[in-house]
Protein backbone atom coordinates (compact mmCIF):
# COMPACT_ATOMS: atom_id res chain seq x y z
CA UNK A 1 120.48 -40.67 262.40
CA UNK A 2 121.03 -40.28 258.66
CA UNK A 3 123.69 -42.06 256.62
CA UNK A 4 126.07 -39.06 256.61
CA UNK A 5 126.06 -38.90 260.41
CA UNK A 6 126.64 -42.67 260.62
CA UNK A 7 129.56 -42.41 258.22
CA UNK A 8 131.08 -39.54 260.20
CA UNK A 9 130.68 -41.51 263.43
CA UNK A 10 132.37 -44.57 261.89
CA UNK A 11 135.22 -42.38 260.63
CA UNK A 12 135.62 -40.83 264.09
CA UNK A 13 135.65 -44.25 265.79
CA UNK A 14 138.20 -45.60 263.30
CA UNK A 15 140.39 -42.52 263.77
CA UNK A 16 140.28 -42.90 267.57
CA UNK A 17 141.20 -46.58 267.28
CA UNK A 18 144.16 -45.84 265.02
CA UNK A 19 145.40 -43.00 267.20
CA UNK A 20 144.96 -45.10 270.33
CA UNK A 21 147.00 -48.03 269.04
CA UNK A 22 150.40 -48.52 270.57
CA UNK A 23 153.21 -49.82 268.39
CA UNK A 24 154.69 -52.74 270.31
CA UNK A 25 157.25 -53.78 267.75
CA UNK A 26 159.31 -56.75 268.84
CA UNK A 27 157.30 -57.79 271.90
CA UNK A 28 157.87 -61.49 271.20
CA UNK A 29 161.20 -61.26 269.39
CA UNK A 30 163.28 -60.95 272.54
CA UNK A 31 161.87 -64.07 274.16
CA UNK A 32 161.87 -66.05 270.89
CA UNK A 33 165.62 -65.52 270.61
CA UNK A 34 166.44 -65.19 274.32
CA UNK A 35 165.26 -68.50 275.70
CA UNK A 36 166.71 -70.75 272.94
CA UNK A 37 170.03 -68.86 273.10
CA UNK A 38 170.34 -69.17 276.88
CA UNK A 39 169.22 -72.81 276.80
CA UNK A 40 171.57 -74.03 274.06
CA UNK A 41 174.55 -72.11 275.44
CA UNK A 42 174.04 -73.51 278.94
CA UNK A 43 173.68 -77.03 277.49
CA UNK A 44 176.87 -76.51 275.50
CA UNK A 45 178.65 -75.17 278.58
CA UNK A 46 177.58 -78.17 280.68
CA UNK A 47 178.47 -80.65 277.91
CA UNK A 48 181.94 -79.15 277.53
CA UNK A 49 182.55 -79.34 281.28
CA UNK A 50 181.34 -82.96 281.41
CA UNK A 51 182.77 -84.45 278.21
CA UNK A 52 185.11 -81.84 276.65
CA UNK A 53 184.51 -83.30 273.18
CA UNK A 54 184.67 -81.36 269.89
CA UNK A 55 181.02 -82.10 269.05
CA UNK A 56 179.96 -80.19 272.18
CA UNK A 57 181.22 -76.96 270.59
CA UNK A 58 178.57 -77.16 267.87
CA UNK A 59 175.46 -77.30 270.05
CA UNK A 60 174.96 -73.55 269.52
CA UNK A 61 173.69 -74.36 266.01
CA UNK A 62 170.35 -75.17 267.67
CA UNK A 63 169.80 -71.46 268.39
CA UNK A 64 169.02 -70.32 264.83
CA UNK A 65 167.43 -73.66 263.96
CA UNK A 66 164.85 -73.06 266.71
CA UNK A 67 164.74 -69.24 266.83
CA UNK A 68 164.29 -68.35 263.15
CA UNK A 69 161.32 -70.67 262.36
CA UNK A 70 159.68 -69.83 265.70
CA UNK A 71 160.02 -66.10 265.02
CA UNK A 72 158.57 -66.42 261.53
CA UNK A 73 155.66 -68.49 262.88
CA UNK A 74 154.86 -66.04 265.69
CA UNK A 75 155.03 -63.00 263.41
CA UNK A 76 152.77 -64.74 260.88
CA UNK A 77 150.24 -65.52 263.63
CA UNK A 78 150.42 -61.91 264.87
CA UNK A 79 149.73 -60.67 261.36
CA UNK A 80 146.79 -63.06 260.94
CA UNK A 81 145.38 -61.92 264.29
CA UNK A 82 145.75 -58.18 263.75
CA UNK A 83 145.48 -58.09 259.97
CA UNK A 84 148.18 -55.47 259.75
CA UNK A 85 151.91 -55.07 259.95
CA UNK A 86 153.48 -51.69 260.50
CA UNK A 87 156.72 -50.56 258.92
CA UNK A 88 158.35 -50.75 262.36
CA UNK A 89 157.22 -54.34 262.84
CA UNK A 90 158.60 -55.34 259.45
CA UNK A 91 161.85 -53.55 260.24
CA UNK A 92 162.17 -55.33 263.60
CA UNK A 93 161.53 -58.76 262.04
CA UNK A 94 164.08 -58.13 259.30
CA UNK A 95 166.59 -56.81 261.85
CA UNK A 96 166.34 -59.94 264.02
CA UNK A 97 166.47 -62.26 261.01
CA UNK A 98 169.61 -60.43 259.90
CA UNK A 99 171.19 -60.68 263.36
CA UNK A 100 170.34 -64.37 263.60
CA UNK A 101 171.77 -65.00 260.12
CA UNK A 102 174.99 -63.05 260.85
CA UNK A 103 175.45 -64.81 264.22
CA UNK A 104 175.00 -68.16 262.46
CA UNK A 105 177.47 -67.36 259.68
CA UNK A 106 180.03 -65.84 262.05
CA UNK A 107 179.72 -68.92 264.26
CA UNK A 108 180.41 -71.20 261.29
CA UNK A 109 183.25 -68.98 260.07
CA UNK A 110 184.96 -68.61 263.42
CA UNK A 111 184.45 -72.31 264.13
CA UNK A 112 186.09 -73.50 260.92
CA UNK A 113 188.86 -70.88 261.27
CA UNK A 114 189.60 -71.95 264.87
CA UNK A 115 188.70 -68.47 266.10
CA UNK A 116 185.45 -69.47 267.80
CA UNK A 117 187.00 -69.49 271.27
CA UNK A 118 188.67 -66.10 270.81
CA UNK A 119 185.92 -63.84 269.56
CA UNK A 120 182.59 -65.44 268.64
CA UNK A 121 180.80 -64.85 271.94
CA UNK A 122 181.81 -61.20 271.95
CA UNK A 123 180.64 -60.75 268.34
CA UNK A 124 177.34 -62.37 269.18
CA UNK A 125 176.90 -60.21 272.27
CA UNK A 126 177.56 -56.97 270.42
CA UNK A 127 175.13 -57.92 267.63
CA UNK A 128 172.38 -58.97 270.03
CA UNK A 129 172.90 -55.89 272.21
CA UNK A 130 172.75 -53.68 269.13
CA UNK A 131 169.54 -55.38 267.99
CA UNK A 132 168.01 -54.90 271.40
CA UNK A 133 169.09 -51.25 271.50
CA UNK A 134 167.76 -50.56 268.00
CA UNK A 135 164.44 -52.30 268.68
CA UNK A 136 164.07 -50.22 271.84
CA UNK A 137 164.76 -47.10 269.79
CA UNK A 138 162.20 -48.06 267.14
CA UNK A 139 159.60 -48.76 269.83
CA UNK A 140 160.60 -45.78 271.98
CA UNK A 141 160.92 -47.97 275.07
CA UNK A 142 163.97 -46.87 277.06
CA UNK A 143 164.39 -49.98 279.34
CA UNK A 144 164.98 -52.11 276.23
CA UNK A 145 167.63 -49.69 275.00
CA UNK A 146 169.39 -49.74 278.38
CA UNK A 147 169.34 -53.55 278.53
CA UNK A 148 170.80 -53.73 275.02
CA UNK A 149 173.62 -51.38 275.99
CA UNK A 150 174.39 -53.33 279.19
CA UNK A 151 174.30 -56.64 277.29
CA UNK A 152 176.79 -55.34 274.70
CA UNK A 153 179.16 -54.12 277.40
CA UNK A 154 178.92 -57.43 279.29
CA UNK A 155 179.81 -59.34 276.13
CA UNK A 156 183.35 -57.96 276.25
CA UNK A 157 183.92 -59.92 279.47
CA UNK A 158 184.14 -63.03 277.25
CA UNK A 159 187.52 -61.84 276.00
CA UNK A 160 188.98 -62.54 279.46
CA UNK A 161 188.06 -66.24 279.35
CA UNK A 162 190.64 -67.73 277.00
CA UNK A 163 192.52 -71.02 276.89
CA UNK A 164 191.23 -73.60 279.34
CA UNK A 165 188.66 -71.10 280.63
CA UNK A 166 186.96 -70.57 277.26
CA UNK A 167 183.85 -72.69 278.08
CA UNK A 168 183.03 -69.99 280.62
CA UNK A 169 182.48 -67.66 277.68
CA UNK A 170 179.34 -69.66 276.99
CA UNK A 171 178.17 -69.13 280.55
CA UNK A 172 178.83 -65.38 280.28
CA UNK A 173 177.02 -65.31 276.94
CA UNK A 174 173.99 -66.92 278.59
CA UNK A 175 174.17 -64.21 281.29
CA UNK A 176 174.19 -61.32 278.82
CA UNK A 177 171.44 -63.07 276.86
CA UNK A 178 169.30 -62.90 279.99
CA UNK A 179 170.19 -59.20 280.40
CA UNK A 180 169.81 -58.18 276.73
CA UNK A 181 166.91 -60.41 275.65
CA UNK A 182 164.97 -62.22 278.35
CA UNK A 183 164.61 -59.41 280.92
CA UNK A 184 163.69 -56.73 278.34
CA UNK A 185 161.41 -59.25 276.63
CA UNK A 186 159.36 -59.67 279.80
CA UNK A 187 159.44 -55.91 280.49
CA UNK A 188 158.29 -55.27 276.94
CA UNK A 189 155.44 -57.79 277.20
CA UNK A 190 154.32 -56.25 280.51
CA UNK A 191 154.42 -52.76 278.98
CA UNK A 192 152.51 -53.86 275.89
CA UNK A 193 149.86 -55.65 277.96
CA UNK A 194 149.27 -52.73 280.32
CA UNK A 195 149.33 -49.95 277.75
CA UNK A 196 146.62 -51.28 275.44
CA UNK A 197 143.99 -48.64 274.69
């Protein structure tokens, strides 16, 4: 085999590898944000039921403090492992950083304005559901889109838990976090694992 044939064979193999790659944008993002969100909200819910102290209302701050660095670390490791980052992957990372940042700022704003109990959980649910839906659209994976839509719709149930019932908003937020992040995260991981070329 001469050098020209070897070069053509290498080009053909590389082309087949590139065409065979699946774009699994956001495979880890759902679980990176889903588990910390559900955990901290359930802890906050339990603390409010047990102690009903003002400090309990600020336990949600742990979500971005855990989620953002963990997401950056995982995406950096993915990049080191694969040596590449697609435009869709960069878009998904920036989208989830933006959503995390907006949820954090809206939580601070609604907390200091005494509006946290009225609307924060619904705002968070709509943002997370939108992120899930958009990531599913980018990745062309319909179950993720459906879970994002259902999670956004469920978030409006928080508006019915006002006054003395407001801690139950946190419980409902943990429920739609499971629907919009944890379930699609596991579905996405299963899909990515079983659709490798």
